[in-house]
Amino acid sequence: MPGSPFMYVVAGPAGSGKSRLFPSRPSASTTSTSTTPRRRSTARTRTSLPSCGRGRDARARTSFGHIAAGRSFAVETALRTAVSIEQARAARAAGFTTALVFAGASDAAINVERVRIRGLMGGHSAPPALIREIYTASLANLRPALDVFDIVRIYDNSTPDVAPSAVSARVDASVAHVSPDAPAWVLRAVEHLFGR
């Protein structure tokens, strides 16, 4: 859809490395927001997608405002809830092209450890039980997201100190590629697309 406004979403469970691996800095024609609430630590941290407004509801209203105005925007989210999926539905109905980049890992324990280390280094942290809850919810929401976004790229970021590998790509409602060595968590997320 050349010339159409764009909704760009970087998603993945807390500790998946989405901010570090896929920074999405807004351009002059794109604003950014975050649907992921961040816990404050004693040290101030910068995120690549600054939040607009206060709280998840304010950020969601801001994104829906961009849709109503036909203005491109970017969102970073843990995909813990369906807010970004609802936004993508509304954006597509308004003529936007929607794109999702999802970074994940094969086990919630990886995310728990990364968030623990981030907290020790002065970044935002969360209790292990919450990280596991976010991990489960994020992967559960990835499945319906695949049916909504125009363009989807899924990256496996399970191995420390190794660049994430693109393991799945979807464009225009069809799976264009799934890597033969895609991990089980990715195959579970995309398996319903093959039954069409």
N, C-alpha and C. Protein backbone atom coordinates (compact mmCIF):
# COMPACT_ATOMS: atom_id res chain seq x y z
N MET A 1 0.83 -1.18 0.00
CA MET A 1 0.00 0.00 0.00
C MET A 1 0.87 1.25 0.00
N PRO A 2 1.47 1.54 -1.14
CA PRO A 2 2.36 2.69 -1.21
C PRO A 2 1.66 3.98 -0.81
N GLY A 3 2.36 4.78 -0.04
CA GLY A 3 1.81 6.06 0.37
C GLY A 3 0.86 6.02 1.54
N SER A 4 0.50 4.82 2.01
CA SER A 4 -0.43 4.74 3.14
C SER A 4 0.32 4.99 4.43
N PRO A 5 -0.37 5.48 5.46
CA PRO A 5 0.29 5.64 6.77
C PRO A 5 0.69 4.27 7.31
N PHE A 6 1.61 4.25 8.24
CA PHE A 6 2.22 3.02 8.71
C PHE A 6 2.09 2.88 10.22
N MET A 7 1.71 1.72 10.68
CA MET A 7 1.75 1.38 12.11
C MET A 7 2.82 0.31 12.27
N TYR A 8 3.86 0.62 13.02
CA TYR A 8 5.00 -0.28 13.20
C TYR A 8 5.06 -0.68 14.67
N VAL A 9 5.01 -1.99 14.94
CA VAL A 9 4.99 -2.49 16.31
C VAL A 9 6.20 -3.39 16.53
N VAL A 10 6.97 -3.09 17.58
CA VAL A 10 8.05 -3.95 18.04
C VAL A 10 7.54 -4.60 19.31
N ALA A 11 7.46 -5.94 19.31
CA ALA A 11 6.82 -6.64 20.42
C ALA A 11 7.68 -7.81 20.89
N GLY A 12 7.36 -8.27 22.07
CA GLY A 12 8.00 -9.44 22.65
C GLY A 12 7.93 -9.37 24.15
N PRO A 13 8.04 -10.51 24.80
CA PRO A 13 7.98 -10.54 26.26
C PRO A 13 9.08 -9.68 26.89
N ALA A 14 8.85 -9.27 28.11
CA ALA A 14 9.88 -8.54 28.86
C ALA A 14 11.15 -9.37 28.86
N GLY A 15 12.28 -8.74 28.56
CA GLY A 15 13.55 -9.44 28.54
C GLY A 15 13.85 -10.13 27.21
N SER A 16 13.04 -9.88 26.19
CA SER A 16 13.29 -10.52 24.90
C SER A 16 14.34 -9.76 24.08
N GLY A 17 14.68 -8.56 24.50
CA GLY A 17 15.69 -7.76 23.82
C GLY A 17 15.14 -6.87 22.73
N LYS A 18 13.83 -6.65 22.72
CA LYS A 18 13.21 -5.89 21.63
C LYS A 18 13.71 -4.46 21.54
N SER A 19 13.90 -3.79 22.65
CA SER A 19 14.37 -2.39 22.62
C SER A 19 15.80 -2.29 22.12
N ARG A 20 16.62 -3.22 22.52
CA ARG A 20 18.04 -3.20 22.15
C ARG A 20 18.23 -3.67 20.70
N LEU A 21 17.51 -4.70 20.32
CA LEU A 21 17.71 -5.31 19.01
C LEU A 21 17.02 -4.56 17.88
N PHE A 22 15.85 -4.00 18.17
CA PHE A 22 15.06 -3.34 17.14
C PHE A 22 14.62 -1.95 17.59
N PRO A 23 15.57 -1.06 17.83
CA PRO A 23 15.17 0.29 18.23
C PRO A 23 14.37 0.93 17.11
N SER A 24 13.31 1.57 17.49
CA SER A 24 12.44 2.18 16.49
C SER A 24 12.30 3.65 16.81
N ARG A 25 13.24 4.40 16.35
CA ARG A 25 13.22 5.83 16.63
C ARG A 25 12.30 6.53 15.64
N PRO A 26 11.44 7.41 16.15
CA PRO A 26 10.51 8.07 15.24
C PRO A 26 11.22 9.03 14.29
N SER A 27 10.70 9.10 13.08
CA SER A 27 11.21 10.07 12.11
C SER A 27 10.34 11.32 12.21
N ALA A 28 10.58 12.26 11.36
CA ALA A 28 9.79 13.49 11.39
C ALA A 28 8.32 13.21 11.13
N SER A 29 8.02 12.16 10.36
CA SER A 29 6.63 11.86 10.03
C SER A 29 6.04 10.73 10.87
N THR A 30 6.80 10.22 11.82
CA THR A 30 6.33 9.11 12.64
C THR A 30 6.52 9.44 14.11
N THR A 31 5.47 9.26 14.90
CA THR A 31 5.61 9.43 16.34
C THR A 31 5.62 8.06 16.98
N SER A 32 6.00 7.99 18.25
CA SER A 32 6.12 6.69 18.90
C SER A 32 5.50 6.70 20.27
N THR A 33 5.15 5.51 20.71
CA THR A 33 4.53 5.33 22.01
C THR A 33 4.87 3.94 22.52
N SER A 34 4.46 3.63 23.70
CA SER A 34 4.70 2.32 24.28
C SER A 34 3.46 1.89 25.04
N THR A 35 3.03 0.65 24.83
CA THR A 35 1.90 0.15 25.60
C THR A 35 2.37 -0.69 26.77
N THR A 36 3.68 -0.72 26.99
CA THR A 36 4.24 -1.50 28.08
C THR A 36 4.58 -0.60 29.24
N PRO A 37 3.90 -0.75 30.39
CA PRO A 37 4.26 0.08 31.54
C PRO A 37 5.65 -0.30 32.05
N ARG A 38 6.42 0.67 32.43
CA ARG A 38 7.77 0.40 32.91
C ARG A 38 7.86 0.73 34.40
N ARG A 39 8.46 -0.18 35.14
CA ARG A 39 8.70 0.08 36.56
C ARG A 39 9.94 0.95 36.67
N ARG A 40 9.87 1.93 37.51
CA ARG A 40 11.00 2.85 37.66
C ARG A 40 12.01 2.28 38.65
N SER A 41 13.27 2.40 38.32
CA SER A 41 14.32 2.04 39.25
C SER A 41 14.96 3.33 39.73
N THR A 42 15.96 3.20 40.60
CA THR A 42 16.61 4.41 41.10
C THR A 42 17.42 5.09 39.99
N ALA A 43 17.87 4.32 39.01
CA ALA A 43 18.60 4.90 37.89
C ALA A 43 17.61 5.20 36.76
N ARG A 44 17.82 6.32 36.10
CA ARG A 44 16.95 6.67 34.96
C ARG A 44 17.45 5.90 33.74
N THR A 45 16.51 5.31 33.01
CA THR A 45 16.88 4.59 31.79
C THR A 45 16.16 5.22 30.62
N ARG A 46 16.77 5.14 29.45
CA ARG A 46 16.15 5.64 28.22
C ARG A 46 15.60 4.46 27.46
N THR A 47 14.46 4.61 26.89
CA THR A 47 13.93 3.59 25.99
C THR A 47 13.90 4.17 24.60
N SER A 48 13.95 3.30 23.60
CA SER A 48 13.98 3.79 22.23
C SER A 48 12.62 4.32 21.79
N LEU A 49 11.56 3.89 22.46
CA LEU A 49 10.22 4.38 22.14
C LEU A 49 9.64 5.04 23.38
N PRO A 50 9.79 6.34 23.54
CA PRO A 50 9.29 6.99 24.73
C PRO A 50 7.77 6.92 24.81
N SER A 51 7.25 6.84 26.02
CA SER A 51 5.80 6.76 26.17
C SER A 51 5.17 8.13 25.95
N CYS A 52 3.95 8.12 25.46
CA CYS A 52 3.19 9.35 25.26
C CYS A 52 2.07 9.37 26.28
N GLY A 53 2.08 10.29 27.19
CA GLY A 53 1.02 10.35 28.20
C GLY A 53 1.39 9.51 29.41
N ARG A 54 0.43 9.37 30.32
CA ARG A 54 0.68 8.60 31.54
C ARG A 54 -0.18 7.36 31.52
N GLY A 55 0.46 6.22 31.74
CA GLY A 55 -0.28 4.97 31.87
C GLY A 55 -0.65 4.36 30.53
N ARG A 56 -0.97 3.07 30.59
CA ARG A 56 -1.29 2.30 29.39
C ARG A 56 -2.50 2.88 28.66
N ASP A 57 -3.53 3.30 29.39
CA ASP A 57 -4.73 3.83 28.73
C ASP A 57 -4.42 5.11 27.96
N ALA A 58 -3.61 5.99 28.54
CA ALA A 58 -3.25 7.23 27.85
C ALA A 58 -2.45 6.93 26.60
N ARG A 59 -1.54 5.97 26.67
CA ARG A 59 -0.74 5.60 25.49
C ARG A 59 -1.63 5.01 24.41
N ALA A 60 -2.59 4.18 24.80
CA ALA A 60 -3.52 3.60 23.82
C ALA A 60 -4.35 4.70 23.16
N ARG A 61 -4.81 5.67 23.95
CA ARG A 61 -5.59 6.78 23.38
C ARG A 61 -4.75 7.57 22.40
N THR A 62 -3.46 7.76 22.72
CA THR A 62 -2.57 8.48 21.83
C THR A 62 -2.44 7.75 20.50
N SER A 63 -2.26 6.43 20.54
CA SER A 63 -2.13 5.65 19.31
C SER A 63 -3.41 5.69 18.50
N PHE A 64 -4.56 5.53 19.16
CA PHE A 64 -5.82 5.62 18.44
C PHE A 64 -6.01 7.02 17.86
N GLY A 65 -5.48 8.04 18.52
CA GLY A 65 -5.52 9.40 17.99
C GLY A 65 -4.72 9.52 16.70
N HIS A 66 -3.54 8.86 16.65
CA HIS A 66 -2.75 8.85 15.43
C HIS A 66 -3.51 8.17 14.29
N ILE A 67 -4.22 7.10 14.63
CA ILE A 67 -5.00 6.39 13.61
C ILE A 67 -6.08 7.31 13.07
N ALA A 68 -6.81 7.97 13.96
CA ALA A 68 -7.88 8.87 13.55
C ALA A 68 -7.34 10.01 12.67
N ALA A 69 -6.11 10.45 12.95
CA ALA A 69 -5.51 11.55 12.19
C ALA A 69 -4.80 11.06 10.93
N GLY A 70 -4.71 9.73 10.75
CA GLY A 70 -4.01 9.20 9.58
C GLY A 70 -2.52 9.43 9.63
N ARG A 71 -1.95 9.46 10.85
CA ARG A 71 -0.54 9.78 11.06
C ARG A 71 0.23 8.51 11.43
N SER A 72 1.31 8.20 10.72
CA SER A 72 2.13 7.03 11.01
C SER A 72 2.67 7.08 12.43
N PHE A 73 2.81 5.90 13.04
CA PHE A 73 3.34 5.83 14.40
C PHE A 73 3.96 4.47 14.67
N ALA A 74 4.79 4.42 15.71
CA ALA A 74 5.45 3.19 16.13
C ALA A 74 5.10 2.90 17.58
N VAL A 75 5.03 1.62 17.91
CA VAL A 75 4.66 1.18 19.25
C VAL A 75 5.63 0.09 19.70
N GLU A 76 6.06 0.16 20.93
CA GLU A 76 6.79 -0.94 21.55
C GLU A 76 5.89 -1.53 22.61
N THR A 77 5.79 -2.86 22.65
CA THR A 77 4.89 -3.52 23.58
C THR A 77 5.38 -4.92 23.93
N ALA A 78 5.03 -5.36 25.12
CA ALA A 78 5.29 -6.75 25.49
C ALA A 78 4.23 -7.67 24.88
N LEU A 79 3.19 -7.10 24.31
CA LEU A 79 2.05 -7.83 23.75
C LEU A 79 1.37 -8.67 24.83
N ARG A 80 1.40 -8.12 26.05
CA ARG A 80 0.78 -8.77 27.20
C ARG A 80 -0.74 -8.75 27.09
N THR A 81 -1.26 -7.71 26.42
CA THR A 81 -2.70 -7.58 26.22
C THR A 81 -2.96 -7.47 24.72
N ALA A 82 -4.21 -7.38 24.36
CA ALA A 82 -4.59 -7.30 22.95
C ALA A 82 -4.69 -5.86 22.45
N VAL A 83 -4.21 -4.88 23.22
CA VAL A 83 -4.34 -3.47 22.83
C VAL A 83 -3.73 -3.21 21.46
N SER A 84 -2.51 -3.67 21.22
CA SER A 84 -1.87 -3.42 19.93
C SER A 84 -2.57 -4.14 18.79
N ILE A 85 -3.17 -5.28 19.08
CA ILE A 85 -3.94 -6.02 18.06
C ILE A 85 -5.19 -5.22 17.70
N GLU A 86 -5.87 -4.68 18.70
CA GLU A 86 -7.05 -3.84 18.45
C GLU A 86 -6.65 -2.60 17.65
N GLN A 87 -5.50 -2.00 18.00
CA GLN A 87 -5.02 -0.83 17.27
C GLN A 87 -4.74 -1.20 15.82
N ALA A 88 -4.13 -2.37 15.59
CA ALA A 88 -3.82 -2.79 14.21
C ALA A 88 -5.09 -3.00 13.40
N ARG A 89 -6.12 -3.57 14.01
CA ARG A 89 -7.40 -3.73 13.31
C ARG A 89 -7.96 -2.36 12.90
N ALA A 90 -7.93 -1.42 13.85
CA ALA A 90 -8.44 -0.08 13.57
C ALA A 90 -7.59 0.61 12.51
N ALA A 91 -6.27 0.43 12.60
CA ALA A 91 -5.36 1.06 11.65
C ALA A 91 -5.59 0.51 10.24
N ARG A 92 -5.73 -0.79 10.12
CA ARG A 92 -5.97 -1.39 8.79
C ARG A 92 -7.29 -0.89 8.21
N ALA A 93 -8.31 -0.81 9.06
CA ALA A 93 -9.61 -0.31 8.59
C ALA A 93 -9.51 1.14 8.12
N ALA A 94 -8.54 1.88 8.67
CA ALA A 94 -8.34 3.28 8.29
C ALA A 94 -7.35 3.44 7.15
N GLY A 95 -6.91 2.33 6.55
CA GLY A 95 -6.02 2.40 5.40
C GLY A 95 -4.54 2.36 5.71
N PHE A 96 -4.17 2.05 6.95
CA PHE A 96 -2.76 1.93 7.33
C PHE A 96 -2.19 0.60 6.83
N THR A 97 -0.89 0.57 6.62
CA THR A 97 -0.15 -0.67 6.50
C THR A 97 0.37 -0.98 7.90
N THR A 98 0.16 -2.21 8.37
CA THR A 98 0.56 -2.57 9.73
C THR A 98 1.69 -3.59 9.69
N ALA A 99 2.69 -3.38 10.52
CA ALA A 99 3.84 -4.28 10.57
C ALA A 99 4.17 -4.63 12.00
N LEU A 100 4.50 -5.89 12.23
CA LEU A 100 4.85 -6.39 13.55
C LEU A 100 6.21 -7.08 13.48
N VAL A 101 7.13 -6.65 14.34
CA VAL A 101 8.39 -7.35 14.55
C VAL A 101 8.32 -7.92 15.96
N PHE A 102 8.42 -9.25 16.08
CA PHE A 102 8.29 -9.90 17.37
C PHE A 102 9.59 -10.61 17.70
N ALA A 103 10.17 -10.28 18.87
CA ALA A 103 11.37 -10.95 19.36
C ALA A 103 10.99 -11.81 20.55
N GLY A 104 11.44 -13.04 20.55
CA GLY A 104 11.12 -13.94 21.65
C GLY A 104 12.25 -14.90 21.94
N ALA A 105 12.06 -15.66 23.00
CA ALA A 105 13.03 -16.67 23.40
C ALA A 105 12.30 -17.98 23.67
N SER A 106 13.04 -19.05 23.69
CA SER A 106 12.44 -20.37 23.77
C SER A 106 11.91 -20.74 25.15
N ASP A 107 12.30 -19.99 26.18
CA ASP A 107 11.90 -20.36 27.53
C ASP A 107 11.80 -19.10 28.39
N ALA A 108 10.78 -19.05 29.23
CA ALA A 108 10.59 -17.88 30.10
C ALA A 108 11.77 -17.67 31.05
N ALA A 109 12.49 -18.74 31.38
CA ALA A 109 13.64 -18.61 32.27
C ALA A 109 14.70 -17.69 31.67
N ILE A 110 14.83 -17.68 30.36
CA ILE A 110 15.79 -16.79 29.69
C ILE A 110 15.39 -15.34 29.94
N ASN A 111 14.10 -15.06 29.80
CA ASN A 111 13.60 -13.69 30.02
C ASN A 111 13.76 -13.27 31.47
N VAL A 112 13.47 -14.19 32.39
CA VAL A 112 13.60 -13.89 33.83
C VAL A 112 15.04 -13.48 34.14
N GLU A 113 16.00 -14.24 33.62
CA GLU A 113 17.40 -13.96 33.90
C GLU A 113 17.84 -12.62 33.28
N ARG A 114 17.38 -12.34 32.07
CA ARG A 114 17.75 -11.08 31.42
C ARG A 114 17.19 -9.88 32.18
N VAL A 115 15.96 -10.00 32.63
CA VAL A 115 15.36 -8.89 33.38
C VAL A 115 16.07 -8.73 34.73
N ARG A 116 16.46 -9.84 35.36
CA ARG A 116 17.19 -9.77 36.63
C ARG A 116 18.51 -9.02 36.43
N ILE A 117 19.25 -9.37 35.38
CA ILE A 117 20.52 -8.71 35.09
C ILE A 117 20.31 -7.23 34.77
N ARG A 118 19.28 -6.95 33.99
CA ARG A 118 18.97 -5.55 33.65
C ARG A 118 18.70 -4.75 34.92
N GLY A 119 17.96 -5.32 35.86
CA GLY A 119 17.68 -4.66 37.13
C GLY A 119 18.95 -4.40 37.93
N LEU A 120 19.86 -5.38 37.95
CA LEU A 120 21.13 -5.21 38.67
C LEU A 120 21.98 -4.11 38.06
N MET A 121 21.79 -3.88 36.76
CA MET A 121 22.56 -2.84 36.07
C MET A 121 21.86 -1.48 36.11
N GLY A 122 20.76 -1.38 36.86
CA GLY A 122 20.08 -0.10 37.03
C GLY A 122 18.89 0.10 36.12
N GLY A 123 18.56 -0.88 35.30
CA GLY A 123 17.40 -0.77 34.43
C GLY A 123 16.13 -1.20 35.13
N HIS A 124 15.01 -1.16 34.41
CA HIS A 124 13.74 -1.55 35.01
C HIS A 124 13.70 -3.06 35.18
N SER A 125 13.04 -3.47 36.25
CA SER A 125 13.00 -4.88 36.61
C SER A 125 11.57 -5.26 36.98
N ALA A 126 11.37 -6.55 37.24
CA ALA A 126 10.06 -7.05 37.66
C ALA A 126 10.28 -8.40 38.33
N PRO A 127 9.34 -8.82 39.18
CA PRO A 127 9.48 -10.12 39.83
C PRO A 127 9.41 -11.26 38.82
N PRO A 128 10.12 -12.36 39.07
CA PRO A 128 10.11 -13.50 38.14
C PRO A 128 8.72 -13.99 37.78
N ALA A 129 7.80 -14.04 38.75
CA ALA A 129 6.45 -14.53 38.45
C ALA A 129 5.77 -13.64 37.42
N LEU A 130 5.98 -12.33 37.51
CA LEU A 130 5.38 -11.40 36.55
C LEU A 130 6.00 -11.58 35.16
N ILE A 131 7.31 -11.79 35.10
CA ILE A 131 7.98 -12.01 33.81
C ILE A 131 7.43 -13.27 33.15
N ARG A 132 7.23 -14.33 33.93
CA ARG A 132 6.66 -15.56 33.36
C ARG A 132 5.24 -15.34 32.88
N GLU A 133 4.46 -14.57 33.63
CA GLU A 133 3.08 -14.26 33.23
C GLU A 133 3.07 -13.47 31.92
N ILE A 134 3.96 -12.50 31.81
CA ILE A 134 4.06 -11.70 30.58
C ILE A 134 4.49 -12.57 29.41
N TYR A 135 5.45 -13.46 29.63
CA TYR A 135 5.94 -14.37 28.59
C TYR A 135 4.78 -15.20 28.03
N THR A 136 4.00 -15.81 28.92
CA THR A 136 2.88 -16.65 28.49
C THR A 136 1.84 -15.83 27.73
N ALA A 137 1.48 -14.67 28.26
CA ALA A 137 0.47 -13.83 27.63
C ALA A 137 0.96 -13.32 26.27
N SER A 138 2.22 -12.95 26.18
CA SER A 138 2.78 -12.42 24.94
C SER A 138 2.72 -13.46 23.82
N LEU A 139 3.14 -14.68 24.12
CA LEU A 139 3.11 -15.74 23.11
C LEU A 139 1.68 -16.10 22.74
N ALA A 140 0.78 -16.06 23.70
CA ALA A 140 -0.63 -16.34 23.41
C ALA A 140 -1.20 -15.26 22.48
N ASN A 141 -0.81 -14.00 22.68
CA ASN A 141 -1.32 -12.91 21.84
C ASN A 141 -0.64 -12.86 20.47
N LEU A 142 0.52 -13.49 20.33
CA LEU A 142 1.18 -13.52 19.03
C LEU A 142 0.32 -14.23 18.00
N ARG A 143 -0.33 -15.30 18.39
CA ARG A 143 -1.16 -16.07 17.43
C ARG A 143 -2.24 -15.21 16.79
N PRO A 144 -3.11 -14.53 17.57
CA PRO A 144 -4.11 -13.69 16.90
C PRO A 144 -3.50 -12.49 16.17
N ALA A 145 -2.34 -12.03 16.64
CA ALA A 145 -1.69 -10.90 15.96
C ALA A 145 -1.31 -11.28 14.53
N LEU A 146 -0.94 -12.52 14.31
CA LEU A 146 -0.55 -12.98 12.98
C LEU A 146 -1.70 -12.86 11.98
N ASP A 147 -2.92 -12.91 12.47
CA ASP A 147 -4.09 -12.82 11.60
C ASP A 147 -4.48 -11.37 11.30
N VAL A 148 -3.87 -10.42 11.99
CA VAL A 148 -4.28 -9.02 11.88
C VAL A 148 -3.26 -8.16 11.14
N PHE A 149 -1.98 -8.35 11.41
CA PHE A 149 -0.95 -7.49 10.83
C PHE A 149 -0.68 -7.86 9.37
N ASP A 150 -0.41 -6.84 8.55
CA ASP A 150 -0.08 -7.06 7.14
C ASP A 150 1.28 -7.74 6.98
N ILE A 151 2.24 -7.28 7.74
CA ILE A 151 3.62 -7.76 7.64
C ILE A 151 4.05 -8.21 9.02
N VAL A 152 4.62 -9.42 9.11
CA VAL A 152 5.09 -9.95 10.40
C VAL A 152 6.47 -10.56 10.21
N ARG A 153 7.36 -10.24 11.12
CA ARG A 153 8.67 -10.89 11.18
C ARG A 153 8.85 -11.38 12.61
N ILE A 154 9.20 -12.65 12.76
CA ILE A 154 9.43 -13.23 14.09
C ILE A 154 10.91 -13.58 14.19
N TYR A 155 11.52 -13.15 15.29
CA TYR A 155 12.95 -13.40 15.52
C TYR A 155 13.13 -14.21 16.79
N ASP A 156 14.00 -15.23 16.70
CA ASP A 156 14.36 -16.01 17.88
C ASP A 156 15.60 -15.38 18.50
N ASN A 157 15.48 -14.98 19.77
CA ASN A 157 16.59 -14.34 20.48
C ASN A 157 16.89 -15.14 21.74
N SER A 158 16.98 -16.46 21.58
CA SER A 158 17.18 -17.35 22.72
C SER A 158 18.63 -17.43 23.17
N THR A 159 19.57 -17.31 22.24
CA THR A 159 20.97 -17.55 22.55
C THR A 159 21.68 -16.25 22.90
N PRO A 160 22.29 -16.19 24.10
CA PRO A 160 22.99 -14.96 24.50
C PRO A 160 24.17 -14.67 23.57
N ASP A 161 24.41 -13.40 23.36
CA ASP A 161 25.55 -12.92 22.57
C ASP A 161 25.54 -13.40 21.12
N VAL A 162 24.38 -13.80 20.63
CA VAL A 162 24.23 -14.19 19.22
C VAL A 162 23.11 -13.34 18.65
N ALA A 163 23.33 -12.78 17.49
CA ALA A 163 22.29 -11.95 16.87
C ALA A 163 21.02 -12.77 16.68
N PRO A 164 19.86 -12.16 16.88
CA PRO A 164 18.62 -12.91 16.72
C PRO A 164 18.46 -13.37 15.28
N SER A 165 17.86 -14.55 15.12
CA SER A 165 17.68 -15.06 13.77
C SER A 165 16.22 -14.91 13.36
N ALA A 166 16.02 -14.48 12.10
CA ALA A 166 14.67 -14.38 11.56
C ALA A 166 14.20 -15.79 11.26
N VAL A 167 13.14 -16.21 11.91
CA VAL A 167 12.68 -17.58 11.76
C VAL A 167 11.33 -17.67 11.08
N SER A 168 10.64 -16.55 10.93
CA SER A 168 9.36 -16.57 10.25
C SER A 168 9.07 -15.21 9.66
N ALA A 169 8.46 -15.22 8.51
CA ALA A 169 8.05 -13.98 7.86
C ALA A 169 6.67 -14.19 7.26
N ARG A 170 5.84 -13.18 7.38
CA ARG A 170 4.48 -13.26 6.84
C ARG A 170 4.16 -11.94 6.18
N VAL A 171 3.68 -12.00 4.97
CA VAL A 171 3.29 -10.79 4.26
C VAL A 171 1.96 -11.04 3.58
N ASP A 172 1.04 -10.09 3.71
CA ASP A 172 -0.26 -10.16 3.05
C ASP A 172 -1.00 -11.46 3.32
N ALA A 173 -1.14 -11.79 4.59
CA ALA A 173 -1.97 -12.90 5.06
C ALA A 173 -1.49 -14.28 4.64
N SER A 174 -0.22 -14.43 4.27
CA SER A 174 0.29 -15.77 4.00
C SER A 174 1.70 -15.88 4.56
N VAL A 175 2.04 -17.07 5.03
CA VAL A 175 3.38 -17.27 5.55
C VAL A 175 4.31 -17.38 4.35
N ALA A 176 5.24 -16.44 4.25
CA ALA A 176 6.17 -16.44 3.13
C ALA A 176 7.37 -17.34 3.42
N HIS A 177 7.71 -17.49 4.70
CA HIS A 177 8.90 -18.27 5.03
C HIS A 177 8.87 -18.65 6.50
N VAL A 178 9.16 -19.90 6.77
CA VAL A 178 9.44 -20.34 8.13
C VAL A 178 10.73 -21.14 8.04
N SER A 179 11.72 -20.72 8.78
CA SER A 179 13.02 -21.37 8.74
C SER A 179 12.90 -22.84 9.11
N PRO A 180 13.63 -23.72 8.41
CA PRO A 180 13.55 -25.14 8.72
C PRO A 180 14.02 -25.47 10.14
N ASP A 181 14.87 -24.61 10.69
CA ASP A 181 15.34 -24.84 12.06
C ASP A 181 14.65 -23.93 13.07
N ALA A 182 13.45 -23.46 12.72
CA ALA A 182 12.69 -22.60 13.64
C ALA A 182 12.43 -23.36 14.94
N PRO A 183 12.59 -22.68 16.07
CA PRO A 183 12.36 -23.35 17.36
C PRO A 183 10.89 -23.66 17.58
N ALA A 184 10.64 -24.56 18.52
CA ALA A 184 9.27 -25.03 18.78
C ALA A 184 8.33 -23.89 19.14
N TRP A 185 8.81 -22.87 19.86
CA TRP A 185 7.91 -21.78 20.26
C TRP A 185 7.39 -21.02 19.05
N VAL A 186 8.19 -20.90 18.01
CA VAL A 186 7.75 -20.21 16.79
C VAL A 186 6.77 -21.10 16.02
N LEU A 187 7.10 -22.38 15.89
CA LEU A 187 6.23 -23.30 15.16
C LEU A 187 4.84 -23.36 15.79
N ARG A 188 4.78 -23.35 17.12
CA ARG A 188 3.47 -23.35 17.81
C ARG A 188 2.70 -22.07 17.49
N ALA A 189 3.41 -20.94 17.40
CA ALA A 189 2.73 -19.66 17.15
C ALA A 189 2.17 -19.59 15.75
N VAL A 190 2.84 -20.18 14.77
CA VAL A 190 2.41 -20.03 13.37
C VAL A 190 1.64 -21.22 12.82
N GLU A 191 1.54 -22.32 13.58
CA GLU A 191 0.96 -23.54 13.02
C GLU A 191 -0.47 -23.35 12.51
N HIS A 192 -1.25 -22.51 13.16
CA HIS A 192 -2.65 -22.32 12.71
C HIS A 192 -2.73 -21.68 11.33
N LEU A 193 -1.69 -20.98 10.89
CA LEU A 193 -1.72 -20.36 9.59
C LEU A 193 -1.64 -21.37 8.45
N PHE A 194 -1.06 -22.54 8.73
CA PHE A 194 -0.91 -23.54 7.69
C PHE A 194 -2.21 -24.29 7.43
N GLY A 195 -3.16 -24.21 8.34
CA GLY A 195 -4.42 -24.93 8.18
C GLY A 195 -5.44 -24.19 7.33
N ARG A 196 -5.06 -23.05 6.77
CA ARG A 196 -6.00 -22.24 6.00
C ARG A 196 -6.31 -22.88 4.67
